[in-house]
Amino acid sequence: MILKILKNKKLLIYGEYYPFKEIISKLIPIYKNYRDLMPGKNKPIKLQNESSVFIFICYEDLLRMI
């Protein structure tokens, strides 16, 4: 059962948005159809005992593989 959906507040470059989209789409026309994702505005999940839960996704580990 899904209780809550969270969205990234900061988007991952080239995975969730493209900087300089106007320039890149002139060089590589297929990028004209690409739409950037929107950052989320969710607040931390509140637990019953007033604690907060934060989920961190570490994409720096992915960049080491490149």
PDB file of N, CA and C in Angstrom:
ATOM      1  N   MET A   1       0.838  -1.174   0.000  1.00  0.00           N
ATOM      2  CA  MET A   1       0.000   0.000   0.000  1.00  0.00           C
ATOM      3  C   MET A   1       0.891   1.248   0.000  1.00  0.00           C
ATOM      4  N   ILE A   2       0.622   2.165  -0.878  1.00  0.00           N
ATOM      5  CA  ILE A   2       1.375   3.418  -0.954  1.00  0.00           C
ATOM      6  C   ILE A   2       0.727   4.430  -0.016  1.00  0.00           C
ATOM      7  N   LEU A   3       1.514   4.930   0.926  1.00  0.00           N
ATOM      8  CA  LEU A   3       0.995   5.910   1.884  1.00  0.00           C
ATOM      9  C   LEU A   3       1.242   7.337   1.434  1.00  0.00           C
ATOM     10  N   LYS A   4       2.396   7.564   0.809  1.00  0.00           N
ATOM     11  CA  LYS A   4       2.740   8.918   0.404  1.00  0.00           C
ATOM     12  C   LYS A   4       3.768   8.861  -0.719  1.00  0.00           C
ATOM     13  N   ILE A   5       3.673   9.748  -1.671  1.00  0.00           N
ATOM     14  CA  ILE A   5       4.635   9.837  -2.762  1.00  0.00           C
ATOM     15  C   ILE A   5       5.479  11.082  -2.549  1.00  0.00           C
ATOM     16  N   LEU A   6       6.781  10.916  -2.624  1.00  0.00           N
ATOM     17  CA  LEU A   6       7.698  12.046  -2.490  1.00  0.00           C
ATOM     18  C   LEU A   6       8.387  12.301  -3.814  1.00  0.00           C
ATOM     19  N   LYS A   7       8.662  13.542  -4.104  1.00  0.00           N
ATOM     20  CA  LYS A   7       9.369  13.914  -5.328  1.00  0.00           C
ATOM     21  C   LYS A   7      10.644  14.646  -4.951  1.00  0.00           C
ATOM     22  N   ASN A   8      11.661  14.497  -5.792  1.00  0.00           N
ATOM     23  CA  ASN A   8      12.938  15.173  -5.546  1.00  0.00           C
ATOM     24  C   ASN A   8      12.740  16.680  -5.489  1.00  0.00           C
ATOM     25  N   LYS A   9      13.382  17.321  -4.526  1.00  0.00           N
ATOM     26  CA  LYS A   9      13.365  18.783  -4.477  1.00  0.00           C
ATOM     27  C   LYS A   9      14.440  19.356  -5.386  1.00  0.00           C
ATOM     28  N   LYS A  10      15.526  18.603  -5.552  1.00  0.00           N
ATOM     29  CA  LYS A  10      16.601  19.011  -6.454  1.00  0.00           C
ATOM     30  C   LYS A  10      16.705  17.962  -7.543  1.00  0.00           C
ATOM     31  N   LEU A  11      16.649  18.402  -8.781  1.00  0.00           N
ATOM     32  CA  LEU A  11      16.655  17.476  -9.907  1.00  0.00           C
ATOM     33  C   LEU A  11      18.071  17.126 -10.334  1.00  0.00           C
ATOM     34  N   LEU A  12      18.234  15.914 -10.848  1.00  0.00           N
ATOM     35  CA  LEU A  12      19.518  15.407 -11.310  1.00  0.00           C
ATOM     36  C   LEU A  12      19.773  15.894 -12.730  1.00  0.00           C
ATOM     37  N   ILE A  13      20.915  16.527 -12.934  1.00  0.00           N
ATOM     38  CA  ILE A  13      21.272  17.051 -14.246  1.00  0.00           C
ATOM     39  C   ILE A  13      21.379  15.906 -15.259  1.00  0.00           C
ATOM     40  N   TYR A  14      20.864  16.113 -16.442  1.00  0.00           N
ATOM     41  CA  TYR A  14      20.844  15.180 -17.562  1.00  0.00           C
ATOM     42  C   TYR A  14      19.979  13.949 -17.319  1.00  0.00           C
ATOM     43  N   GLY A  15      19.464  13.742 -16.145  1.00  0.00           N
ATOM     44  CA  GLY A  15      18.560  12.630 -15.889  1.00  0.00           C
ATOM     45  C   GLY A  15      17.140  13.119 -15.709  1.00  0.00           C
ATOM     46  N   GLU A  16      17.013  14.287 -15.088  1.00  0.00           N
ATOM     47  CA  GLU A  16      15.695  14.843 -14.809  1.00  0.00           C
ATOM     48  C   GLU A  16      15.504  16.231 -15.420  1.00  0.00           C
ATOM     49  N   TYR A  17      16.586  16.851 -15.819  1.00  0.00           N
ATOM     50  CA  TYR A  17      16.495  18.108 -16.566  1.00  0.00           C
ATOM     51  C   TYR A  17      17.776  18.306 -17.375  1.00  0.00           C
ATOM     52  N   TYR A  18      17.660  19.098 -18.433  1.00  0.00           N
ATOM     53  CA  TYR A  18      18.818  19.418 -19.274  1.00  0.00           C
ATOM     54  C   TYR A  18      19.096  20.912 -19.199  1.00  0.00           C
ATOM     55  N   PRO A  19      20.300  21.289 -18.787  1.00  0.00           N
ATOM     56  CA  PRO A  19      20.651  22.710 -18.842  1.00  0.00           C
ATOM     57  C   PRO A  19      20.898  23.100 -20.299  1.00  0.00           C
ATOM     58  N   PHE A  20      20.736  24.337 -20.606  1.00  0.00           N
ATOM     59  CA  PHE A  20      20.980  24.847 -21.963  1.00  0.00           C
ATOM     60  C   PHE A  20      20.154  24.093 -23.003  1.00  0.00           C
ATOM     61  N   LYS A  21      18.916  23.770 -22.671  1.00  0.00           N
ATOM     62  CA  LYS A  21      18.060  22.982 -23.552  1.00  0.00           C
ATOM     63  C   LYS A  21      17.892  23.627 -24.927  1.00  0.00           C
ATOM     64  N   GLU A  22      17.790  24.932 -24.969  1.00  0.00           N
ATOM     65  CA  GLU A  22      17.594  25.617 -26.246  1.00  0.00           C
ATOM     66  C   GLU A  22      18.787  25.397 -27.178  1.00  0.00           C
ATOM     67  N   ILE A  23      19.985  25.439 -26.629  1.00  0.00           N
ATOM     68  CA  ILE A  23      21.199  25.241 -27.432  1.00  0.00           C
ATOM     69  C   ILE A  23      21.346  23.775 -27.824  1.00  0.00           C
ATOM     70  N   ILE A  24      21.161  22.872 -26.859  1.00  0.00           N
ATOM     71  CA  ILE A  24      21.315  21.440 -27.129  1.00  0.00           C
ATOM     72  C   ILE A  24      20.307  20.974 -28.171  1.00  0.00           C
ATOM     73  N   SER A  25      19.069  21.452 -28.108  1.00  0.00           N
ATOM     74  CA  SER A  25      18.043  21.004 -29.050  1.00  0.00           C
ATOM     75  C   SER A  25      18.328  21.471 -30.474  1.00  0.00           C
ATOM     76  N   LYS A  26      19.099  22.524 -30.643  1.00  0.00           N
ATOM     77  CA  LYS A  26      19.508  22.932 -31.997  1.00  0.00           C
ATOM     78  C   LYS A  26      20.585  22.009 -32.541  1.00  0.00           C
ATOM     79  N   LEU A  27      21.450  21.519 -31.667  1.00  0.00           N
ATOM     80  CA  LEU A  27      22.511  20.604 -32.082  1.00  0.00           C
ATOM     81  C   LEU A  27      21.999  19.168 -32.228  1.00  0.00           C
ATOM     82  N   ILE A  28      21.100  18.765 -31.347  1.00  0.00           N
ATOM     83  CA  ILE A  28      20.544  17.410 -31.350  1.00  0.00           C
ATOM     84  C   ILE A  28      19.018  17.556 -31.348  1.00  0.00           C
ATOM     85  N   PRO A  29      18.391  17.549 -32.536  1.00  0.00           N
ATOM     86  CA  PRO A  29      16.960  17.870 -32.649  1.00  0.00           C
ATOM     87  C   PRO A  29      16.017  17.022 -31.793  1.00  0.00           C
ATOM     88  N   ILE A  30      16.384  15.797 -31.462  1.00  0.00           N
ATOM     89  CA  ILE A  30      15.474  14.950 -30.676  1.00  0.00           C
ATOM     90  C   ILE A  30      15.180  15.557 -29.302  1.00  0.00           C
ATOM     91  N   TYR A  31      16.049  16.408 -28.799  1.00  0.00           N
ATOM     92  CA  TYR A  31      15.851  17.018 -27.483  1.00  0.00           C
ATOM     93  C   TYR A  31      14.761  18.088 -27.482  1.00  0.00           C
ATOM     94  N   LYS A  32      14.265  18.473 -28.649  1.00  0.00           N
ATOM     95  CA  LYS A  32      13.151  19.429 -28.690  1.00  0.00           C
ATOM     96  C   LYS A  32      11.908  18.843 -28.024  1.00  0.00           C
ATOM     97  N   ASN A  33      11.781  17.507 -28.089  1.00  0.00           N
ATOM     98  CA  ASN A  33      10.614  16.832 -27.516  1.00  0.00           C
ATOM     99  C   ASN A  33      10.780  16.507 -26.040  1.00  0.00           C
ATOM    100  N   TYR A  34      11.970  16.669 -25.495  1.00  0.00           N
ATOM    101  CA  TYR A  34      12.237  16.319 -24.102  1.00  0.00           C
ATOM    102  C   TYR A  34      11.651  17.373 -23.172  1.00  0.00           C
ATOM    103  N   ARG A  35      10.991  16.927 -22.121  1.00  0.00           N
ATOM    104  CA  ARG A  35      10.436  17.851 -21.127  1.00  0.00           C
ATOM    105  C   ARG A  35      11.107  17.600 -19.791  1.00  0.00           C
ATOM    106  N   ASP A  36      11.564  18.661 -19.173  1.00  0.00           N
ATOM    107  CA  ASP A  36      12.192  18.551 -17.861  1.00  0.00           C
ATOM    108  C   ASP A  36      11.152  18.153 -16.816  1.00  0.00           C
ATOM    109  N   LEU A  37      11.589  17.414 -15.818  1.00  0.00           N
ATOM    110  CA  LEU A  37      10.727  17.096 -14.684  1.00  0.00           C
ATOM    111  C   LEU A  37      10.639  18.313 -13.773  1.00  0.00           C
ATOM    112  N   MET A  38       9.634  18.344 -12.957  1.00  0.00           N
ATOM    113  CA  MET A  38       9.450  19.455 -12.028  1.00  0.00           C
ATOM    114  C   MET A  38       9.875  19.010 -10.628  1.00  0.00           C
ATOM    115  N   PRO A  39      10.577  19.874  -9.890  1.00  0.00           N
ATOM    116  CA  PRO A  39      10.947  19.501  -8.521  1.00  0.00           C
ATOM    117  C   PRO A  39       9.713  19.439  -7.617  1.00  0.00           C
ATOM    118  N   GLY A  40       9.786  18.575  -6.625  1.00  0.00           N
ATOM    119  CA  GLY A  40       8.682  18.428  -5.682  1.00  0.00           C
ATOM    120  C   GLY A  40       8.713  19.501  -4.603  1.00  0.00           C
ATOM    121  N   LYS A  41       7.627  19.619  -3.881  1.00  0.00           N
ATOM    122  CA  LYS A  41       7.526  20.594  -2.792  1.00  0.00           C
ATOM    123  C   LYS A  41       7.142  19.908  -1.491  1.00  0.00           C
ATOM    124  N   ASN A  42       7.335  18.598  -1.454  1.00  0.00           N
ATOM    125  CA  ASN A  42       6.940  17.835  -0.272  1.00  0.00           C
ATOM    126  C   ASN A  42       7.778  18.209   0.936  1.00  0.00           C
ATOM    127  N   LYS A  43       7.177  18.095   2.093  1.00  0.00           N
ATOM    128  CA  LYS A  43       7.875  18.311   3.358  1.00  0.00           C
ATOM    129  C   LYS A  43       8.237  16.940   3.936  1.00  0.00           C
ATOM    130  N   PRO A  44       9.114  16.894   4.915  1.00  0.00           N
ATOM    131  CA  PRO A  44       9.489  15.602   5.507  1.00  0.00           C
ATOM    132  C   PRO A  44       8.269  14.845   6.032  1.00  0.00           C
ATOM    133  N   ILE A  45       8.364  13.524   6.018  1.00  0.00           N
ATOM    134  CA  ILE A  45       7.305  12.679   6.559  1.00  0.00           C
ATOM    135  C   ILE A  45       7.322  12.795   8.084  1.00  0.00           C
ATOM    136  N   LYS A  46       6.173  13.019   8.672  1.00  0.00           N
ATOM    137  CA  LYS A  46       6.070  13.109  10.136  1.00  0.00           C
ATOM    138  C   LYS A  46       5.631  11.756  10.691  1.00  0.00           C
ATOM    139  N   LEU A  47       6.313  11.306  11.715  1.00  0.00           N
ATOM    140  CA  LEU A  47       5.956  10.071  12.397  1.00  0.00           C
ATOM    141  C   LEU A  47       5.071  10.382  13.594  1.00  0.00           C
ATOM    142  N   GLN A  48       4.499   9.351  14.176  1.00  0.00           N
ATOM    143  CA  GLN A  48       3.587   9.550  15.310  1.00  0.00           C
ATOM    144  C   GLN A  48       4.270  10.199  16.505  1.00  0.00           C
ATOM    145  N   ASN A  49       5.552   9.936  16.691  1.00  0.00           N
ATOM    146  CA  ASN A  49       6.239  10.495  17.861  1.00  0.00           C
ATOM    147  C   ASN A  49       6.900  11.843  17.548  1.00  0.00           C
ATOM    148  N   GLU A  50       6.417  12.531  16.523  1.00  0.00           N
ATOM    149  CA  GLU A  50       6.899  13.859  16.135  1.00  0.00           C
ATOM    150  C   GLU A  50       8.301  13.864  15.525  1.00  0.00           C
ATOM    151  N   SER A  51       8.846  12.693  15.223  1.00  0.00           N
ATOM    152  CA  SER A  51      10.128  12.623  14.520  1.00  0.00           C
ATOM    153  C   SER A  51       9.885  12.854  13.038  1.00  0.00           C
ATOM    154  N   SER A  52      10.918  13.227  12.316  1.00  0.00           N
ATOM    155  CA  SER A  52      10.833  13.403  10.870  1.00  0.00           C
ATOM    156  C   SER A  52      11.693  12.358  10.181  1.00  0.00           C
ATOM    157  N   VAL A  53      11.299  11.992   8.977  1.00  0.00           N
ATOM    158  CA  VAL A  53      12.060  11.040   8.176  1.00  0.00           C
ATOM    159  C   VAL A  53      12.467  11.741   6.894  1.00  0.00           C
ATOM    160  N   PHE A  54      13.741  11.676   6.568  1.00  0.00           N
ATOM    161  CA  PHE A  54      14.244  12.221   5.317  1.00  0.00           C
ATOM    162  C   PHE A  54      14.832  11.074   4.513  1.00  0.00           C
ATOM    163  N   ILE A  55      14.606  11.071   3.221  1.00  0.00           N
ATOM    164  CA  ILE A  55      15.182  10.050   2.354  1.00  0.00           C
ATOM    165  C   ILE A  55      16.182  10.749   1.447  1.00  0.00           C
ATOM    166  N   PHE A  56      17.422  10.312   1.522  1.00  0.00           N
ATOM    167  CA  PHE A  56      18.463  10.899   0.691  1.00  0.00           C
ATOM    168  C   PHE A  56      18.830   9.914  -0.413  1.00  0.00           C
ATOM    169  N   ILE A  57      18.874  10.391  -1.626  1.00  0.00           N
ATOM    170  CA  ILE A  57      19.298   9.578  -2.756  1.00  0.00           C
ATOM    171  C   ILE A  57      20.641  10.125  -3.194  1.00  0.00           C
ATOM    172  N   CYS A  58      21.668   9.304  -3.101  1.00  0.00           N
ATOM    173  CA  CYS A  58      23.028   9.749  -3.387  1.00  0.00           C
ATOM    174  C   CYS A  58      23.386   9.412  -4.832  1.00  0.00           C
ATOM    175  N   TYR A  59      23.231  10.363  -5.740  1.00  0.00           N
ATOM    176  CA  TYR A  59      23.557  10.088  -7.128  1.00  0.00           C
ATOM    177  C   TYR A  59      25.034  10.285  -7.426  1.00  0.00           C
ATOM    178  N   GLU A  60      25.799  10.808  -6.484  1.00  0.00           N
ATOM    179  CA  GLU A  60      27.240  10.926  -6.702  1.00  0.00           C
ATOM    180  C   GLU A  60      27.865   9.549  -6.911  1.00  0.00           C
ATOM    181  N   ASP A  61      27.306   8.520  -6.281  1.00  0.00           N
ATOM    182  CA  ASP A  61      27.806   7.163  -6.480  1.00  0.00           C
ATOM    183  C   ASP A  61      27.612   6.716  -7.924  1.00  0.00           C
ATOM    184  N   LEU A  62      26.534   7.131  -8.547  1.00  0.00           N
ATOM    185  CA  LEU A  62      26.316   6.789  -9.949  1.00  0.00           C
ATOM    186  C   LEU A  62      27.338   7.475 -10.843  1.00  0.00           C
ATOM    187  N   LEU A  63      27.705   8.703 -10.513  1.00  0.00           N
ATOM    188  CA  LEU A  63      28.633   9.452 -11.348  1.00  0.00           C
ATOM    189  C   LEU A  63      30.032   8.848 -11.322  1.00  0.00           C
ATOM    190  N   ARG A  64      30.394   8.142 -10.259  1.00  0.00           N
ATOM    191  CA  ARG A  64      31.701   7.483 -10.196  1.00  0.00           C
ATOM    192  C   ARG A  64      31.814   6.358 -11.213  1.00  0.00           C
ATOM    193  N   MET A  65      30.692   5.786 -11.604  1.00  0.00           N
ATOM    194  CA  MET A  65      30.695   4.662 -12.533  1.00  0.00           C
ATOM    195  C   MET A  65      30.925   5.106 -13.969  1.00  0.00           C
ATOM    196  N   ILE A  66      30.766   6.371 -14.247  1.00  0.00           N
ATOM    197  CA  ILE A  66      30.892   6.876 -15.624  1.00  0.00           C
ATOM    198  C   ILE A  66      32.348   7.041 -15.995  1.00  0.00           C
TER     199      ILE A  66
END
